Amino acid sequence: MNAIREPESPPASARKPAIVRAEGLTKQVSTPDHELVIVREASFEVAAGDSVAIVGASGSGKSTLLGLLAGLDVPSAGRVWIDGEDLFALDEDGRARLRGRLVGFVFQSFQLLPALTALENVMLPLELAGVADAGARASRVLDQVGLADRLGHYPRQLSGGEQQRVAVARAFATEPKLLFADEPTGNLDSATGRQVIELLFRMNRDHGTTLVLVTHDEALAARCDRRIAISAGVVQG
């Protein structure tokens, strides 16, 4: 009788490298009564080019986990590496420089600067990065998200969907390796939300940008390559 052979692991050359790696990541805060653990000893990797959904009930720690992965929040314990760099071995300025070089963000609340036009909002991270043709590049990205005729409009003159498309353009303008999105459709109606999601996945496909999305939308989570579930601070997946 033939012996049963275990399936072979793919060769190392076929495996995609990890762009994000978390090890023992923990966040706890003190309350008058006790220590509250928001994220507990999370360890996982995100492969370059993948789309990953972080899912869980309201208050489960999804946004806190995303903030830790991006270095916007500091863990109580544990480590995070982004593209091989130890995030919390850097000081706050060092983490900001790393994010400026590698990371884009899309937030539920858009986070556009009200005194700047759509074009100027998208130009801002390019100018901070020292890009010489910031205006031309920002115009090109806004055209890609369907806002070529809205360059001179201020956020208050744009619909919610248009504001979120400006935010997506701003996030992708620097051609980041990694994009974090926290409930990117949370303030949009369902039809507009679908348009923004299609845009995110198209940019992921066209540019190879890794997507890490916090969402409560099961349909969106199902479109991702992988899901990471968090419940009462415990991460699975």
Protein backbone atom coordinates (compact mmCIF):
# COMPACT_ATOMS: atom_id res chain seq x y z
CA MET A 1 0.00 0.00 0.00
CA ASN A 2 1.36 3.38 -0.95
CA ALA A 3 2.23 5.72 1.91
CA ILE A 4 0.16 8.87 2.16
CA ARG A 5 2.27 11.84 1.25
CA GLU A 6 1.88 15.13 3.03
CA PRO A 7 1.23 18.06 0.68
CA GLU A 8 4.41 19.87 -0.12
CA SER A 9 4.86 23.47 0.94
CA PRO A 10 5.35 25.89 -1.92
CA PRO A 11 8.99 26.76 -2.57
CA ALA A 12 10.25 29.80 -0.69
CA SER A 13 10.59 31.69 -3.97
CA ALA A 14 6.81 31.26 -4.60
CA ARG A 15 5.74 32.69 -1.26
CA LYS A 16 4.94 36.37 -1.11
CA PRO A 17 7.00 38.26 1.47
CA ALA A 18 5.29 39.71 4.53
CA ILE A 19 4.89 43.48 4.38
CA VAL A 20 3.35 43.59 7.88
CA ARG A 21 4.30 41.34 10.78
CA ALA A 22 2.90 41.57 14.30
CA GLU A 23 4.33 39.64 17.22
CA GLY A 24 2.71 39.51 20.66
CA LEU A 25 0.95 42.81 20.01
CA THR A 26 -0.92 43.97 23.12
CA LYS A 27 -2.72 47.15 24.09
CA GLN A 28 -4.17 47.73 27.55
CA VAL A 29 -5.42 50.83 29.31
CA SER A 30 -6.05 51.58 32.97
CA THR A 31 -9.58 52.28 34.19
CA PRO A 32 -10.59 53.22 37.75
CA ASP A 33 -11.61 49.60 38.35
CA HIS A 34 -9.17 47.44 36.41
CA GLU A 35 -6.81 47.07 33.47
CA LEU A 36 -8.74 46.83 30.20
CA VAL A 37 -7.04 44.75 27.49
CA ILE A 38 -8.12 46.01 24.06
CA VAL A 39 -5.75 43.84 21.97
CA ARG A 40 -4.23 40.71 23.47
CA GLU A 41 -0.97 39.14 22.20
CA ALA A 42 -1.80 39.32 18.48
CA SER A 43 0.67 37.61 16.16
CA PHE A 44 0.16 37.38 12.39
CA GLU A 45 1.57 38.40 9.02
CA VAL A 46 0.14 40.19 5.98
CA ALA A 47 1.63 39.21 2.63
CA ALA A 48 2.64 41.91 0.17
CA GLY A 49 -0.07 42.64 -2.39
CA ASP A 50 -2.86 40.95 -0.43
CA SER A 51 -6.17 42.45 0.64
CA VAL A 52 -7.04 41.73 4.27
CA ALA A 53 -10.24 42.51 6.18
CA ILE A 54 -10.14 43.04 9.95
CA VAL A 55 -13.61 42.11 11.20
CA GLY A 56 -15.37 42.00 14.54
CA ALA A 57 -18.24 43.42 16.54
CA SER A 58 -18.38 47.07 17.56
CA GLY A 59 -15.93 47.65 20.41
CA SER A 60 -13.95 44.48 19.68
CA GLY A 61 -10.68 46.37 19.10
CA LYS A 62 -10.59 46.57 15.28
CA SER A 63 -9.64 50.23 14.99
CA THR A 64 -7.16 49.97 17.87
CA LEU A 65 -5.46 47.06 16.10
CA LEU A 66 -5.26 49.05 12.87
CA GLY A 67 -3.78 52.04 14.73
CA LEU A 68 -1.13 49.80 16.28
CA LEU A 69 -0.21 48.25 12.93
CA ALA A 70 0.21 51.74 11.46
CA GLY A 71 2.19 53.08 14.41
CA LEU A 72 -0.47 55.70 15.14
CA ASP A 73 -0.83 54.14 18.60
CA VAL A 74 1.90 52.61 20.79
CA PRO A 75 1.43 49.07 22.15
CA SER A 76 1.73 48.06 25.79
CA ALA A 77 3.77 45.08 24.58
CA GLY A 78 4.78 43.41 21.34
CA ARG A 79 6.31 44.51 18.06
CA VAL A 80 5.31 45.40 14.50
CA TRP A 81 7.47 45.30 11.39
CA ILE A 82 6.50 47.16 8.21
CA ASP A 83 8.48 46.17 5.14
CA GLY A 84 11.13 44.72 7.47
CA GLU A 85 11.47 47.84 9.67
CA ASP A 86 10.83 47.49 13.40
CA LEU A 87 8.16 50.16 13.84
CA PHE A 88 8.49 50.73 17.57
CA ALA A 89 12.27 50.76 17.52
CA LEU A 90 11.75 54.17 15.88
CA ASP A 91 10.77 57.36 17.68
CA GLU A 92 7.58 59.22 16.74
CA ASP A 93 9.31 61.23 14.01
CA GLY A 94 10.89 58.08 12.61
CA ARG A 95 7.51 56.34 12.47
CA ALA A 96 6.04 59.38 10.69
CA ARG A 97 8.82 59.28 8.10
CA LEU A 98 8.25 55.55 7.53
CA ARG A 99 4.52 56.14 7.05
CA GLY A 100 5.21 58.98 4.64
CA ARG A 101 7.40 56.66 2.59
CA LEU A 102 5.38 53.44 2.66
CA VAL A 103 1.83 53.93 3.93
CA GLY A 104 -1.45 55.52 2.84
CA PHE A 105 -4.64 55.99 4.89
CA VAL A 106 -8.36 56.21 4.19
CA PHE A 107 -10.56 57.09 7.16
CA GLN A 108 -14.32 56.88 7.68
CA SER A 109 -14.46 60.63 8.33
CA PHE A 110 -12.47 61.53 5.16
CA GLN A 111 -9.98 63.76 7.09
CA LEU A 112 -9.71 66.32 4.29
CA LEU A 113 -8.39 69.79 5.13
CA PRO A 114 -11.35 72.17 4.62
CA ALA A 115 -9.22 75.18 3.60
CA LEU A 116 -7.59 73.26 0.72
CA THR A 117 -9.11 72.34 -2.64
CA ALA A 118 -9.36 68.73 -3.79
CA LEU A 119 -6.16 69.21 -5.79
CA GLU A 120 -4.32 70.80 -2.86
CA ASN A 121 -5.45 68.02 -0.46
CA VAL A 122 -3.95 65.42 -2.78
CA MET A 123 -0.83 67.49 -3.42
CA LEU A 124 -0.06 67.84 0.29
CA PRO A 125 1.53 64.41 0.96
CA LEU A 126 3.42 64.68 -2.32
CA GLU A 127 4.86 68.06 -1.35
CA LEU A 128 5.79 66.73 2.10
CA ALA A 129 7.61 63.89 0.35
CA GLY A 130 9.51 66.39 -1.84
CA VAL A 131 7.91 65.31 -5.13
CA ALA A 132 8.80 67.89 -7.79
CA ASP A 133 5.72 67.50 -10.01
CA ALA A 134 3.20 67.30 -7.15
CA GLY A 135 0.49 69.25 -9.01
CA ALA A 136 0.64 67.16 -12.18
CA ARG A 137 0.73 63.90 -10.24
CA ALA A 138 -2.18 64.92 -8.01
CA SER A 139 -4.22 65.92 -11.07
CA ARG A 140 -3.51 62.56 -12.69
CA VAL A 141 -4.64 60.57 -9.64
CA LEU A 142 -7.80 62.66 -9.25
CA ASP A 143 -8.55 61.96 -12.89
CA GLN A 144 -8.16 58.23 -12.19
CA VAL A 145 -10.82 58.42 -9.45
CA GLY A 146 -13.20 60.37 -11.73
CA LEU A 147 -12.73 63.85 -10.26
CA ALA A 148 -10.92 65.67 -13.06
CA ASP A 149 -13.67 68.32 -13.06
CA ARG A 150 -13.52 68.87 -9.28
CA LEU A 151 -9.87 69.90 -8.83
CA GLY A 152 -10.67 73.42 -7.61
CA HIS A 153 -13.57 72.45 -5.35
CA TYR A 154 -13.30 72.62 -1.57
CA PRO A 155 -14.52 69.71 0.60
CA ARG A 156 -17.71 71.57 1.53
CA GLN A 157 -18.55 71.76 -2.18
CA LEU A 158 -18.24 68.00 -2.67
CA SER A 159 -20.63 65.17 -1.85
CA GLY A 160 -19.64 62.54 0.71
CA GLY A 161 -18.71 60.10 -2.04
CA GLU A 162 -16.63 62.71 -3.82
CA GLN A 163 -14.83 63.59 -0.58
CA GLN A 164 -14.00 59.93 0.00
CA ARG A 165 -12.70 59.63 -3.56
CA VAL A 166 -10.42 62.61 -2.88
CA ALA A 167 -9.26 60.78 0.26
CA VAL A 168 -8.56 57.64 -1.79
CA ALA A 169 -6.65 59.70 -4.36
CA ARG A 170 -4.60 61.31 -1.58
CA ALA A 171 -3.84 57.89 -0.09
CA PHE A 172 -2.63 56.46 -3.41
CA ALA A 173 -0.87 59.60 -4.70
CA THR A 174 2.46 58.68 -3.11
CA GLU A 175 2.18 55.13 -4.52
CA PRO A 176 2.39 53.50 -1.07
CA LYS A 177 3.22 49.84 -0.63
CA LEU A 178 0.56 49.56 2.06
CA LEU A 179 -2.85 51.17 2.56
CA PHE A 180 -4.83 51.13 5.81
CA ALA A 181 -8.57 51.89 5.62
CA ASP A 182 -10.78 52.26 8.69
CA GLU A 183 -14.46 51.70 7.78
CA PRO A 184 -13.93 53.52 4.45
CA THR A 185 -17.62 53.32 3.52
CA GLY A 186 -19.07 53.92 6.99
CA ASN A 187 -20.37 57.43 6.21
CA LEU A 188 -21.58 56.67 2.69
CA ASP A 189 -24.83 55.34 1.26
CA SER A 190 -24.68 51.80 -0.12
CA ALA A 191 -24.38 52.74 -3.81
CA THR A 192 -21.61 55.29 -3.18
CA GLY A 193 -19.90 52.87 -0.80
CA ARG A 194 -19.78 50.25 -3.54
CA GLN A 195 -18.16 52.75 -5.90
CA VAL A 196 -15.45 53.58 -3.34
CA ILE A 197 -14.79 49.88 -2.68
CA GLU A 198 -14.48 49.18 -6.41
CA LEU A 199 -12.00 52.04 -6.57
CA LEU A 200 -9.92 50.65 -3.69
CA PHE A 201 -9.73 47.18 -5.25
CA ARG A 202 -8.94 48.61 -8.68
CA MET A 203 -6.05 50.62 -7.22
CA ASN A 204 -4.92 47.49 -5.34
CA ARG A 205 -4.99 45.49 -8.56
CA ASP A 206 -3.36 48.13 -10.77
CA HIS A 207 -0.65 49.21 -8.33
CA GLY A 208 -0.12 46.06 -6.22
CA THR A 209 -0.75 48.03 -3.03
CA THR A 210 -1.47 45.88 0.02
CA LEU A 211 -4.89 46.70 1.54
CA VAL A 212 -5.71 46.27 5.23
CA LEU A 213 -9.35 47.22 5.82
CA VAL A 214 -11.34 47.49 9.04
CA THR A 215 -14.95 46.74 8.17
CA HIS A 216 -18.24 45.42 9.51
CA ASP A 217 -19.45 44.82 5.93
CA GLU A 218 -19.51 41.05 5.28
CA ALA A 219 -19.72 41.51 1.51
CA LEU A 220 -16.58 43.65 1.57
CA ALA A 221 -14.77 41.20 3.85
CA ALA A 222 -15.66 38.34 1.50
CA ARG A 223 -13.93 40.12 -1.39
CA CYS A 224 -10.62 40.24 0.46
CA ASP A 225 -7.96 37.56 0.13
CA ARG A 226 -8.10 36.95 3.86
CA ARG A 227 -9.90 38.01 7.01
CA ILE A 228 -8.53 38.60 10.50
CA ALA A 229 -11.24 38.33 13.15
CA ILE A 230 -10.96 40.04 16.52
CA SER A 231 -13.25 39.36 19.48
CA ALA A 232 -12.74 40.87 22.94
CA GLY A 233 -9.21 41.77 21.89
CA VAL A 234 -8.27 38.24 20.78
CA VAL A 235 -7.16 37.97 17.15
CA GLN A 236 -7.79 34.92 15.00
CA GLY A 237 -6.75 34.42 11.40
